[in-house]
Amino acid sequence: MENAEALDVSRSAYREAIQVLTAKGLVESRPKAGTRVLPRSHWNLLDPMVLAWAFGGEPDMHYVRDLFELRAIVEPEAARLAAERRDRSDIAAMKDALTRMRRFTLATEQGREADRDFHSALLAATGNAVLMTLSASMGAAVNWTTQFKQRLRALPRDPVPDHLRVFEAIAAGDADGASEAMRVLVQLALDDTRTAMQKMLDGTPQS
């Protein structure tokens, strides 16, 4: 394989890499025709690994916007369902995640893991198996945007109270309140991300 030789990797490693990229919709590989990068419309943009690659460099603001638009569509309604269907174990899981978020803060991996667990527990509380399949993708999107916002400075505000409002509404069975609290949480997170991206574009030094 010429590509393997050019990249100075073994043929087996090259084949495995192509298989991974093919599974994620990034490339197409055919015998004799070779390997080509597919249009972006074919990419699995919600794959946690693709998200990690995107945020490993400088993410495209349009991609970031698209992620938040998806969250704004899905998460408020998921919170509404969670308020209607949650049980004691769901409430306990979200409460535990909140406790860890407060203890460790989102400046640490433990705190970001707790944040992911909160959003996963919320999706689980909907009782909707299809929504639950988005758990890994939503968690990855939350994680990488949170890390991105902290590249130049600490988070401008503590996001735990926003999560607490979502939790309290779900625990109380307040569907409208849970939906609205989640809508605000997602919008504030987008605002923080836009501010972080603008500061990177402006070259604002870390204070």
N, C-alpha and C. Protein backbone atom coordinates (compact mmCIF):
# COMPACT_ATOMS: atom_id res chain seq x y z
N MET A 1 0.85 -1.20 0.00
CA MET A 1 0.00 0.00 0.00
C MET A 1 0.89 1.25 0.00
N GLU A 2 0.71 2.06 -1.03
CA GLU A 2 1.54 3.26 -1.14
C GLU A 2 1.26 4.23 0.00
N ASN A 3 -0.02 4.37 0.38
CA ASN A 3 -0.36 5.31 1.45
C ASN A 3 0.27 4.92 2.78
N ALA A 4 0.27 3.64 3.07
CA ALA A 4 0.89 3.17 4.30
C ALA A 4 2.38 3.47 4.31
N GLU A 5 3.04 3.27 3.17
CA GLU A 5 4.46 3.55 3.08
C GLU A 5 4.73 5.04 3.20
N ALA A 6 3.88 5.84 2.56
CA ALA A 6 4.07 7.29 2.62
C ALA A 6 3.92 7.82 4.04
N LEU A 7 3.03 7.21 4.81
CA LEU A 7 2.81 7.63 6.19
C LEU A 7 3.73 6.93 7.18
N ASP A 8 4.54 6.01 6.66
CA ASP A 8 5.49 5.26 7.49
C ASP A 8 4.78 4.51 8.61
N VAL A 9 3.69 3.82 8.25
CA VAL A 9 2.98 2.96 9.20
C VAL A 9 2.81 1.59 8.55
N SER A 10 2.53 0.60 9.38
CA SER A 10 2.34 -0.74 8.85
C SER A 10 1.04 -0.81 8.06
N ARG A 11 0.96 -1.80 7.19
CA ARG A 11 -0.25 -1.96 6.39
C ARG A 11 -1.46 -2.28 7.26
N SER A 12 -1.25 -3.10 8.29
CA SER A 12 -2.37 -3.45 9.16
C SER A 12 -2.88 -2.23 9.91
N ALA A 13 -1.95 -1.38 10.39
CA ALA A 13 -2.37 -0.16 11.10
C ALA A 13 -3.11 0.78 10.15
N TYR A 14 -2.64 0.87 8.92
CA TYR A 14 -3.30 1.73 7.93
C TYR A 14 -4.71 1.21 7.65
N ARG A 15 -4.85 -0.11 7.46
CA ARG A 15 -6.16 -0.68 7.19
C ARG A 15 -7.13 -0.44 8.35
N GLU A 16 -6.64 -0.59 9.57
CA GLU A 16 -7.49 -0.36 10.74
C GLU A 16 -7.95 1.09 10.80
N ALA A 17 -7.03 2.02 10.50
CA ALA A 17 -7.38 3.44 10.52
C ALA A 17 -8.44 3.75 9.47
N ILE A 18 -8.29 3.18 8.28
CA ILE A 18 -9.26 3.41 7.21
C ILE A 18 -10.62 2.82 7.60
N GLN A 19 -10.61 1.68 8.25
CA GLN A 19 -11.87 1.07 8.70
C GLN A 19 -12.59 1.98 9.69
N VAL A 20 -11.83 2.58 10.62
CA VAL A 20 -12.42 3.49 11.59
C VAL A 20 -13.01 4.70 10.89
N LEU A 21 -12.24 5.30 9.98
CA LEU A 21 -12.71 6.50 9.28
C LEU A 21 -13.91 6.18 8.39
N THR A 22 -13.93 4.99 7.80
CA THR A 22 -15.06 4.58 6.97
C THR A 22 -16.32 4.42 7.81
N ALA A 23 -16.17 3.80 8.99
CA ALA A 23 -17.31 3.60 9.88
C ALA A 23 -17.92 4.92 10.33
N LYS A 24 -17.11 5.96 10.39
CA LYS A 24 -17.60 7.26 10.84
C LYS A 24 -18.03 8.15 9.66
N GLY A 25 -18.00 7.56 8.46
CA GLY A 25 -18.49 8.29 7.28
C GLY A 25 -17.54 9.31 6.72
N LEU A 26 -16.29 9.32 7.17
CA LEU A 26 -15.36 10.34 6.72
C LEU A 26 -14.71 10.01 5.38
N VAL A 27 -14.47 8.73 5.13
CA VAL A 27 -13.83 8.34 3.87
C VAL A 27 -14.55 7.14 3.26
N GLU A 28 -14.25 6.91 2.00
CA GLU A 28 -14.74 5.75 1.29
C GLU A 28 -13.54 5.07 0.65
N SER A 29 -13.44 3.77 0.83
CA SER A 29 -12.32 3.03 0.29
C SER A 29 -12.84 1.88 -0.55
N ARG A 30 -12.39 1.83 -1.81
CA ARG A 30 -12.82 0.77 -2.72
C ARG A 30 -11.61 0.15 -3.40
N PRO A 31 -11.67 -1.16 -3.63
CA PRO A 31 -10.57 -1.81 -4.34
C PRO A 31 -10.34 -1.16 -5.71
N LYS A 32 -9.10 -0.93 -6.02
CA LYS A 32 -8.66 -0.34 -7.29
C LYS A 32 -9.00 1.14 -7.41
N ALA A 33 -10.14 1.57 -6.82
CA ALA A 33 -10.51 2.99 -6.90
C ALA A 33 -9.77 3.83 -5.87
N GLY A 34 -9.29 3.17 -4.81
CA GLY A 34 -8.55 3.90 -3.79
C GLY A 34 -9.44 4.46 -2.69
N THR A 35 -8.88 5.37 -1.94
CA THR A 35 -9.57 5.98 -0.79
C THR A 35 -9.80 7.45 -1.05
N ARG A 36 -10.99 7.92 -0.76
CA ARG A 36 -11.28 9.35 -0.93
C ARG A 36 -12.08 9.86 0.25
N VAL A 37 -11.88 11.14 0.55
CA VAL A 37 -12.63 11.79 1.62
C VAL A 37 -14.04 12.08 1.12
N LEU A 38 -15.02 11.71 1.92
CA LEU A 38 -16.41 11.92 1.54
C LEU A 38 -16.86 13.34 1.90
N PRO A 39 -17.92 13.83 1.25
CA PRO A 39 -18.46 15.14 1.60
C PRO A 39 -18.86 15.19 3.08
N ARG A 40 -18.82 16.36 3.65
CA ARG A 40 -19.13 16.53 5.07
C ARG A 40 -20.52 16.02 5.42
N SER A 41 -21.42 16.05 4.46
CA SER A 41 -22.79 15.60 4.71
C SER A 41 -22.85 14.11 5.05
N HIS A 42 -21.80 13.35 4.73
CA HIS A 42 -21.75 11.93 5.03
C HIS A 42 -21.14 11.64 6.41
N TRP A 43 -20.47 12.63 6.99
CA TRP A 43 -19.74 12.39 8.23
C TRP A 43 -20.70 12.18 9.40
N ASN A 44 -20.31 11.33 10.31
CA ASN A 44 -21.07 11.14 11.55
C ASN A 44 -20.60 12.20 12.54
N LEU A 45 -21.17 13.38 12.42
CA LEU A 45 -20.70 14.53 13.20
C LEU A 45 -21.01 14.43 14.68
N LEU A 46 -21.85 13.47 15.07
CA LEU A 46 -22.17 13.29 16.48
C LEU A 46 -21.35 12.18 17.12
N ASP A 47 -20.50 11.54 16.35
CA ASP A 47 -19.64 10.50 16.91
C ASP A 47 -18.70 11.14 17.93
N PRO A 48 -18.61 10.59 19.15
CA PRO A 48 -17.73 11.20 20.16
C PRO A 48 -16.29 11.38 19.70
N MET A 49 -15.78 10.44 18.89
CA MET A 49 -14.41 10.57 18.42
C MET A 49 -14.27 11.70 17.40
N VAL A 50 -15.28 11.85 16.53
CA VAL A 50 -15.27 12.95 15.56
C VAL A 50 -15.33 14.28 16.29
N LEU A 51 -16.15 14.35 17.34
CA LEU A 51 -16.21 15.56 18.16
C LEU A 51 -14.85 15.88 18.78
N ALA A 52 -14.17 14.86 19.27
CA ALA A 52 -12.85 15.06 19.87
C ALA A 52 -11.87 15.58 18.83
N TRP A 53 -11.92 15.04 17.62
CA TRP A 53 -11.03 15.51 16.55
C TRP A 53 -11.34 16.96 16.21
N ALA A 54 -12.62 17.29 16.13
CA ALA A 54 -13.01 18.65 15.76
C ALA A 54 -12.52 19.68 16.78
N PHE A 55 -12.59 19.32 18.06
CA PHE A 55 -12.20 20.27 19.10
C PHE A 55 -10.73 20.14 19.47
N GLY A 56 -10.03 19.19 18.84
CA GLY A 56 -8.59 19.08 19.08
C GLY A 56 -7.84 20.25 18.49
N GLY A 57 -8.39 20.85 17.43
CA GLY A 57 -7.81 22.05 16.84
C GLY A 57 -8.71 23.24 17.15
N GLU A 58 -8.93 24.06 16.13
CA GLU A 58 -9.83 25.20 16.28
C GLU A 58 -11.16 24.83 15.63
N PRO A 59 -12.20 24.56 16.42
CA PRO A 59 -13.46 24.12 15.82
C PRO A 59 -14.11 25.20 14.97
N ASP A 60 -14.81 24.76 13.96
CA ASP A 60 -15.56 25.64 13.08
C ASP A 60 -16.76 26.18 13.87
N MET A 61 -16.92 27.50 13.90
CA MET A 61 -18.01 28.09 14.67
C MET A 61 -19.37 27.62 14.16
N HIS A 62 -19.46 27.34 12.86
CA HIS A 62 -20.73 26.84 12.33
C HIS A 62 -21.05 25.47 12.92
N TYR A 63 -20.02 24.66 13.09
CA TYR A 63 -20.19 23.33 13.69
C TYR A 63 -20.63 23.47 15.15
N VAL A 64 -19.98 24.39 15.86
CA VAL A 64 -20.34 24.63 17.26
C VAL A 64 -21.79 25.12 17.34
N ARG A 65 -22.14 26.03 16.45
CA ARG A 65 -23.52 26.54 16.43
C ARG A 65 -24.50 25.40 16.18
N ASP A 66 -24.17 24.53 15.23
CA ASP A 66 -25.05 23.41 14.90
C ASP A 66 -25.25 22.49 16.11
N LEU A 67 -24.16 22.25 16.85
CA LEU A 67 -24.27 21.41 18.05
C LEU A 67 -25.23 22.02 19.07
N PHE A 68 -25.11 23.32 19.27
CA PHE A 68 -25.98 23.98 20.25
C PHE A 68 -27.41 24.05 19.75
N GLU A 69 -27.60 24.20 18.43
CA GLU A 69 -28.97 24.19 17.91
C GLU A 69 -29.60 22.82 18.13
N LEU A 70 -28.81 21.75 17.94
CA LEU A 70 -29.32 20.41 18.23
C LEU A 70 -29.69 20.28 19.70
N ARG A 71 -28.79 20.74 20.57
CA ARG A 71 -29.07 20.67 22.00
C ARG A 71 -30.34 21.47 22.34
N ALA A 72 -30.49 22.64 21.72
CA ALA A 72 -31.65 23.49 22.01
C ALA A 72 -32.96 22.84 21.56
N ILE A 73 -32.88 22.01 20.54
CA ILE A 73 -34.07 21.30 20.07
C ILE A 73 -34.37 20.10 20.95
N VAL A 74 -33.33 19.34 21.29
CA VAL A 74 -33.52 18.05 21.96
C VAL A 74 -33.64 18.18 23.48
N GLU A 75 -32.73 18.91 24.11
CA GLU A 75 -32.62 18.84 25.57
C GLU A 75 -33.79 19.47 26.32
N PRO A 76 -34.34 20.61 25.89
CA PRO A 76 -35.51 21.12 26.63
C PRO A 76 -36.69 20.14 26.62
N GLU A 77 -36.94 19.50 25.48
CA GLU A 77 -38.03 18.53 25.42
C GLU A 77 -37.69 17.26 26.19
N ALA A 78 -36.40 16.90 26.19
CA ALA A 78 -35.99 15.76 27.00
C ALA A 78 -36.21 16.05 28.48
N ALA A 79 -35.91 17.29 28.89
CA ALA A 79 -36.13 17.68 30.28
C ALA A 79 -37.62 17.64 30.62
N ARG A 80 -38.45 18.02 29.67
CA ARG A 80 -39.91 17.96 29.88
C ARG A 80 -40.35 16.52 30.12
N LEU A 81 -39.88 15.61 29.26
CA LEU A 81 -40.23 14.20 29.43
C LEU A 81 -39.69 13.64 30.74
N ALA A 82 -38.47 14.05 31.08
CA ALA A 82 -37.85 13.57 32.32
C ALA A 82 -38.69 13.98 33.53
N ALA A 83 -39.23 15.20 33.50
CA ALA A 83 -40.06 15.67 34.61
C ALA A 83 -41.34 14.86 34.72
N GLU A 84 -41.82 14.37 33.60
CA GLU A 84 -43.07 13.61 33.60
C GLU A 84 -42.86 12.14 33.95
N ARG A 85 -41.66 11.61 33.68
CA ARG A 85 -41.45 10.16 33.77
C ARG A 85 -40.39 9.73 34.78
N ARG A 86 -39.66 10.65 35.37
CA ARG A 86 -38.53 10.28 36.24
C ARG A 86 -39.01 9.45 37.42
N ASP A 87 -38.09 8.60 37.90
CA ASP A 87 -38.38 7.86 39.11
C ASP A 87 -37.29 8.17 40.14
N ARG A 88 -37.33 7.51 41.26
CA ARG A 88 -36.40 7.82 42.35
C ARG A 88 -34.94 7.59 41.95
N SER A 89 -34.71 6.53 41.18
CA SER A 89 -33.32 6.25 40.77
C SER A 89 -32.79 7.32 39.82
N ASP A 90 -33.65 7.86 38.95
CA ASP A 90 -33.25 8.94 38.05
C ASP A 90 -32.89 10.19 38.84
N ILE A 91 -33.73 10.53 39.80
CA ILE A 91 -33.49 11.71 40.63
C ILE A 91 -32.19 11.54 41.41
N ALA A 92 -31.97 10.34 41.95
CA ALA A 92 -30.75 10.08 42.71
C ALA A 92 -29.51 10.21 41.83
N ALA A 93 -29.59 9.72 40.58
CA ALA A 93 -28.45 9.79 39.68
C ALA A 93 -28.12 11.24 39.32
N MET A 94 -29.13 12.05 39.05
CA MET A 94 -28.89 13.46 38.73
C MET A 94 -28.36 14.22 39.95
N LYS A 95 -28.90 13.91 41.12
CA LYS A 95 -28.45 14.58 42.34
C LYS A 95 -26.99 14.25 42.63
N ASP A 96 -26.62 12.99 42.44
CA ASP A 96 -25.23 12.59 42.65
C ASP A 96 -24.30 13.32 41.68
N ALA A 97 -24.71 13.41 40.42
CA ALA A 97 -23.89 14.12 39.43
C ALA A 97 -23.72 15.59 39.81
N LEU A 98 -24.81 16.22 40.27
CA LEU A 98 -24.73 17.62 40.69
C LEU A 98 -23.79 17.80 41.87
N THR A 99 -23.85 16.88 42.81
CA THR A 99 -22.97 16.95 43.98
C THR A 99 -21.51 16.91 43.55
N ARG A 100 -21.19 16.03 42.61
CA ARG A 100 -19.82 15.92 42.13
C ARG A 100 -19.41 17.13 41.29
N MET A 101 -20.34 17.68 40.53
CA MET A 101 -20.04 18.90 39.76
C MET A 101 -19.66 20.04 40.70
N ARG A 102 -20.42 20.16 41.78
CA ARG A 102 -20.15 21.23 42.74
C ARG A 102 -18.83 21.00 43.47
N ARG A 103 -18.54 19.75 43.79
CA ARG A 103 -17.33 19.43 44.55
C ARG A 103 -16.07 19.65 43.71
N PHE A 104 -16.09 19.17 42.47
CA PHE A 104 -14.87 19.18 41.67
C PHE A 104 -14.75 20.39 40.74
N THR A 105 -15.88 21.00 40.38
CA THR A 105 -15.98 22.11 39.41
C THR A 105 -15.66 21.63 38.00
N LEU A 106 -16.12 22.37 37.02
CA LEU A 106 -15.93 21.98 35.63
C LEU A 106 -14.53 22.30 35.12
N ALA A 107 -13.68 22.80 35.99
CA ALA A 107 -12.28 23.01 35.61
C ALA A 107 -11.49 21.71 35.68
N THR A 108 -12.09 20.66 36.22
CA THR A 108 -11.41 19.38 36.38
C THR A 108 -12.11 18.31 35.55
N GLU A 109 -11.36 17.24 35.24
CA GLU A 109 -11.95 16.14 34.50
C GLU A 109 -13.06 15.46 35.31
N GLN A 110 -12.86 15.37 36.65
CA GLN A 110 -13.90 14.76 37.49
C GLN A 110 -15.20 15.55 37.41
N GLY A 111 -15.08 16.87 37.40
CA GLY A 111 -16.27 17.71 37.31
C GLY A 111 -16.94 17.61 35.96
N ARG A 112 -16.15 17.54 34.90
CA ARG A 112 -16.73 17.40 33.56
C ARG A 112 -17.36 16.03 33.37
N GLU A 113 -16.78 15.03 33.99
CA GLU A 113 -17.39 13.69 33.95
C GLU A 113 -18.75 13.73 34.66
N ALA A 114 -18.82 14.43 35.77
CA ALA A 114 -20.09 14.56 36.48
C ALA A 114 -21.12 15.31 35.63
N ASP A 115 -20.67 16.31 34.89
CA ASP A 115 -21.55 17.05 33.99
C ASP A 115 -22.12 16.11 32.93
N ARG A 116 -21.25 15.29 32.34
CA ARG A 116 -21.71 14.31 31.35
C ARG A 116 -22.72 13.35 31.98
N ASP A 117 -22.43 12.93 33.20
CA ASP A 117 -23.32 11.99 33.89
C ASP A 117 -24.69 12.63 34.14
N PHE A 118 -24.71 13.92 34.44
CA PHE A 118 -25.98 14.62 34.67
C PHE A 118 -26.84 14.58 33.42
N HIS A 119 -26.24 14.94 32.29
CA HIS A 119 -27.01 14.97 31.04
C HIS A 119 -27.43 13.57 30.62
N SER A 120 -26.58 12.58 30.87
CA SER A 120 -26.93 11.19 30.56
C SER A 120 -28.08 10.71 31.43
N ALA A 121 -28.04 11.06 32.72
CA ALA A 121 -29.10 10.66 33.63
C ALA A 121 -30.42 11.32 33.24
N LEU A 122 -30.35 12.55 32.77
CA LEU A 122 -31.56 13.24 32.33
C LEU A 122 -32.17 12.52 31.13
N LEU A 123 -31.35 12.15 30.16
CA LEU A 123 -31.87 11.43 29.00
C LEU A 123 -32.44 10.08 29.41
N ALA A 124 -31.77 9.42 30.35
CA ALA A 124 -32.27 8.12 30.83
C ALA A 124 -33.64 8.29 31.50
N ALA A 125 -33.84 9.42 32.17
CA ALA A 125 -35.10 9.67 32.88
C ALA A 125 -36.28 9.85 31.93
N THR A 126 -36.00 10.12 30.65
CA THR A 126 -37.11 10.26 29.70
C THR A 126 -37.80 8.93 29.44
N GLY A 127 -37.09 7.82 29.67
CA GLY A 127 -37.66 6.53 29.37
C GLY A 127 -37.79 6.27 27.89
N ASN A 128 -37.15 7.11 27.08
CA ASN A 128 -37.22 7.00 25.62
C ASN A 128 -35.93 6.38 25.12
N ALA A 129 -36.00 5.14 24.63
CA ALA A 129 -34.80 4.41 24.24
C ALA A 129 -34.04 5.10 23.11
N VAL A 130 -34.75 5.75 22.20
CA VAL A 130 -34.09 6.43 21.09
C VAL A 130 -33.32 7.65 21.59
N LEU A 131 -33.96 8.42 22.47
CA LEU A 131 -33.25 9.56 23.05
C LEU A 131 -32.01 9.12 23.81
N MET A 132 -32.11 7.99 24.49
CA MET A 132 -30.97 7.52 25.28
C MET A 132 -29.77 7.17 24.42
N THR A 133 -30.00 6.86 23.14
CA THR A 133 -28.87 6.57 22.25
C THR A 133 -28.05 7.81 21.96
N LEU A 134 -28.61 8.99 22.24
CA LEU A 134 -27.88 10.24 22.05
C LEU A 134 -26.99 10.58 23.23
N SER A 135 -27.04 9.77 24.28
CA SER A 135 -26.33 10.09 25.51
C SER A 135 -24.85 10.33 25.30
N ALA A 136 -24.17 9.41 24.60
CA ALA A 136 -22.73 9.56 24.40
C ALA A 136 -22.41 10.79 23.57
N SER A 137 -23.23 11.05 22.55
CA SER A 137 -22.99 12.21 21.68
C SER A 137 -23.22 13.52 22.43
N MET A 138 -24.33 13.60 23.16
CA MET A 138 -24.61 14.81 23.92
C MET A 138 -23.55 15.03 24.99
N GLY A 139 -23.17 13.96 25.66
CA GLY A 139 -22.14 14.08 26.68
C GLY A 139 -20.83 14.57 26.10
N ALA A 140 -20.45 14.06 24.92
CA ALA A 140 -19.22 14.49 24.28
C ALA A 140 -19.30 15.96 23.87
N ALA A 141 -20.46 16.37 23.34
CA ALA A 141 -20.63 17.77 22.93
C ALA A 141 -20.51 18.69 24.14
N VAL A 142 -21.14 18.33 25.25
CA VAL A 142 -21.06 19.13 26.47
C VAL A 142 -19.61 19.20 26.96
N ASN A 143 -18.94 18.05 26.96
CA ASN A 143 -17.57 17.98 27.46
C ASN A 143 -16.62 18.85 26.65
N TRP A 144 -16.65 18.71 25.32
CA TRP A 144 -15.68 19.43 24.50
C TRP A 144 -15.94 20.93 24.44
N THR A 145 -17.21 21.33 24.43
CA THR A 145 -17.48 22.77 24.45
C THR A 145 -17.07 23.37 25.80
N THR A 146 -17.24 22.61 26.87
CA THR A 146 -16.82 23.10 28.19
C THR A 146 -15.31 23.26 28.25
N GLN A 147 -14.58 22.28 27.74
CA GLN A 147 -13.12 22.39 27.72
C GLN A 147 -12.68 23.55 26.84
N PHE A 148 -13.35 23.72 25.70
CA PHE A 148 -12.99 24.79 24.78
C PHE A 148 -13.13 26.16 25.44
N LYS A 149 -14.21 26.34 26.21
CA LYS A 149 -14.46 27.63 26.85
C LYS A 149 -13.37 28.00 27.85
N GLN A 150 -12.61 27.02 28.30
CA GLN A 150 -11.60 27.27 29.33
C GLN A 150 -10.17 27.35 28.78
N ARG A 151 -10.04 27.42 27.46
CA ARG A 151 -8.70 27.45 26.87
C ARG A 151 -7.94 28.72 27.25
N LEU A 152 -8.64 29.83 27.27
CA LEU A 152 -7.96 31.10 27.55
C LEU A 152 -8.18 31.61 28.96
N ARG A 153 -9.25 31.18 29.58
CA ARG A 153 -9.56 31.69 30.93
C ARG A 153 -10.53 30.74 31.62
N ALA A 154 -10.69 30.96 32.90
CA ALA A 154 -11.64 30.14 33.66
C ALA A 154 -13.06 30.44 33.16
N LEU A 155 -13.97 29.53 33.45
CA LEU A 155 -15.36 29.77 33.05
C LEU A 155 -15.86 31.09 33.64
N PRO A 156 -16.55 31.90 32.84
CA PRO A 156 -16.98 33.22 33.32
C PRO A 156 -18.03 33.18 34.42
N ARG A 157 -18.67 32.04 34.60
CA ARG A 157 -19.70 31.93 35.64
C ARG A 157 -19.80 30.46 36.06
N ASP A 158 -20.39 30.25 37.18
CA ASP A 158 -20.58 28.90 37.68
C ASP A 158 -21.84 28.31 37.06
N PRO A 159 -21.73 27.23 36.26
CA PRO A 159 -22.91 26.68 35.61
C PRO A 159 -23.73 25.75 36.50
N VAL A 160 -23.24 25.44 37.70
CA VAL A 160 -23.95 24.50 38.56
C VAL A 160 -25.36 25.00 38.91
N PRO A 161 -25.55 26.29 39.26
CA PRO A 161 -26.92 26.74 39.56
C PRO A 161 -27.90 26.54 38.41
N ASP A 162 -27.41 26.68 37.17
CA ASP A 162 -28.29 26.45 36.02
C ASP A 162 -28.73 24.99 35.97
N HIS A 163 -27.79 24.08 36.24
CA HIS A 163 -28.13 22.65 36.28
C HIS A 163 -29.06 22.34 37.45
N LEU A 164 -28.84 23.02 38.57
CA LEU A 164 -29.67 22.80 39.75
C LEU A 164 -31.12 23.17 39.46
N ARG A 165 -31.34 24.27 38.72
CA ARG A 165 -32.70 24.67 38.39
C ARG A 165 -33.39 23.61 37.52
N VAL A 166 -32.64 23.03 36.59
CA VAL A 166 -33.19 21.95 35.78
C VAL A 166 -33.55 20.77 36.66
N PHE A 167 -32.62 20.40 37.53
CA PHE A 167 -32.84 19.26 38.42
C PHE A 167 -34.06 19.48 39.32
N GLU A 168 -34.17 20.64 39.93
CA GLU A 168 -35.28 20.90 40.86
C GLU A 168 -36.62 20.82 40.15
N ALA A 169 -36.68 21.32 38.91
CA ALA A 169 -37.94 21.26 38.17
C ALA A 169 -38.30 19.82 37.82
N ILE A 170 -37.29 19.04 37.42
CA ILE A 170 -37.54 17.62 37.09
C ILE A 170 -37.98 16.87 38.34
N ALA A 171 -37.27 17.09 39.44
CA ALA A 171 -37.61 16.39 40.69
C ALA A 171 -39.02 16.74 41.16
N ALA A 172 -39.45 17.99 40.89
CA ALA A 172 -40.78 18.44 41.30
C ALA A 172 -41.86 18.02 40.31
N GLY A 173 -41.46 17.43 39.18
CA GLY A 173 -42.44 17.05 38.18
C GLY A 173 -42.99 18.23 37.40
N ASP A 174 -42.24 19.33 37.37
CA ASP A 174 -42.66 20.54 36.68
C ASP A 174 -42.13 20.50 35.24
N ALA A 175 -42.93 19.97 34.32
CA ALA A 175 -42.49 19.77 32.95
C ALA A 175 -42.15 21.09 32.25
N ASP A 176 -43.03 22.08 32.37
CA ASP A 176 -42.78 23.38 31.73
C ASP A 176 -41.54 24.04 32.32
N GLY A 177 -41.41 23.99 33.64
CA GLY A 177 -40.27 24.61 34.30
C GLY A 177 -38.96 23.93 33.91
N ALA A 178 -39.00 22.60 33.79
CA ALA A 178 -37.79 21.87 33.42
C ALA A 178 -37.37 22.22 32.00
N SER A 179 -38.33 22.29 31.10
CA SER A 179 -38.04 22.63 29.71
C SER A 179 -37.44 24.03 29.60
N GLU A 180 -38.03 24.99 30.29
CA GLU A 180 -37.54 26.36 30.24
C GLU A 180 -36.17 26.48 30.89
N ALA A 181 -35.95 25.81 32.01
CA ALA A 181 -34.65 25.87 32.68
C ALA A 181 -33.56 25.29 31.79
N MET A 182 -33.88 24.21 31.08
CA MET A 182 -32.89 23.63 30.17
C MET A 182 -32.65 24.53 28.97
N ARG A 183 -33.69 25.17 28.48
CA ARG A 183 -33.52 26.10 27.36
C ARG A 183 -32.55 27.21 27.74
N VAL A 184 -32.71 27.75 28.94
CA VAL A 184 -31.83 28.82 29.42
C VAL A 184 -30.40 28.29 29.59
N LEU A 185 -30.27 27.09 30.15
CA LEU A 185 -28.94 26.50 30.37
C LEU A 185 -28.18 26.39 29.05
N VAL A 186 -28.84 25.87 28.01
CA VAL A 186 -28.19 25.69 26.72
C VAL A 186 -27.84 27.04 26.11
N GLN A 187 -28.73 28.02 26.22
CA GLN A 187 -28.47 29.34 25.65
C GLN A 187 -27.29 30.02 26.34
N LEU A 188 -27.22 29.93 27.65
CA LEU A 188 -26.10 30.53 28.38
C LEU A 188 -24.78 29.85 28.01
N ALA A 189 -24.82 28.53 27.83
CA ALA A 189 -23.61 27.81 27.43
C ALA A 189 -23.16 28.26 26.04
N LEU A 190 -24.11 28.48 25.13
CA LEU A 190 -23.77 28.98 23.80
C LEU A 190 -23.17 30.38 23.88
N ASP A 191 -23.76 31.24 24.70
CA ASP A 191 -23.24 32.60 24.86
C ASP A 191 -21.80 32.57 25.36
N ASP A 192 -21.53 31.70 26.34
CA ASP A 192 -20.16 31.58 26.88
C ASP A 192 -19.20 31.10 25.81
N THR A 193 -19.65 30.16 24.98
CA THR A 193 -18.80 29.60 23.93
C THR A 193 -18.51 30.65 22.87
N ARG A 194 -19.51 31.43 22.50
CA ARG A 194 -19.29 32.50 21.53
C ARG A 194 -18.28 33.51 22.05
N THR A 195 -18.38 33.84 23.34
CA THR A 195 -17.44 34.78 23.94
C THR A 195 -16.02 34.22 23.90
N ALA A 196 -15.88 32.93 24.21
CA ALA A 196 -14.56 32.29 24.19
C ALA A 196 -13.98 32.29 22.78
N MET A 197 -14.80 32.00 21.79
CA MET A 197 -14.32 31.98 20.41
C MET A 197 -13.92 33.38 19.95
N GLN A 198 -14.68 34.39 20.34
CA GLN A 198 -14.35 35.75 19.95
C GLN A 198 -13.03 36.19 20.56
N LYS A 199 -12.79 35.80 21.80
CA LYS A 199 -11.54 36.15 22.46
C LYS A 199 -10.36 35.47 21.78
N MET A 200 -10.56 34.26 21.30
CA MET A 200 -9.49 33.57 20.58
C MET A 200 -9.21 34.27 19.26
N LEU A 201 -10.27 34.71 18.58
CA LEU A 201 -10.10 35.42 17.32
C LEU A 201 -9.42 36.76 17.52
N ASP A 202 -9.75 37.41 18.64
CA ASP A 202 -9.15 38.72 18.95
C ASP A 202 -7.73 38.60 19.48
N GLY A 203 -7.35 37.38 19.87
CA GLY A 203 -6.02 37.20 20.44
C GLY A 203 -5.89 37.78 21.82
N THR A 204 -7.02 37.80 22.56
CA THR A 204 -7.01 38.36 23.91
C THR A 204 -6.14 37.52 24.80
N PRO A 205 -5.13 38.10 25.47
CA PRO A 205 -4.28 37.31 26.35
C PRO A 205 -5.02 36.87 27.59
N GLN A 206 -4.55 35.77 28.15
CA GLN A 206 -5.17 35.27 29.39
C GLN A 206 -4.88 36.23 30.53
N SER A 207 -5.92 36.56 31.31
CA SER A 207 -5.74 37.50 32.43
C SER A 207 -5.38 36.75 33.69
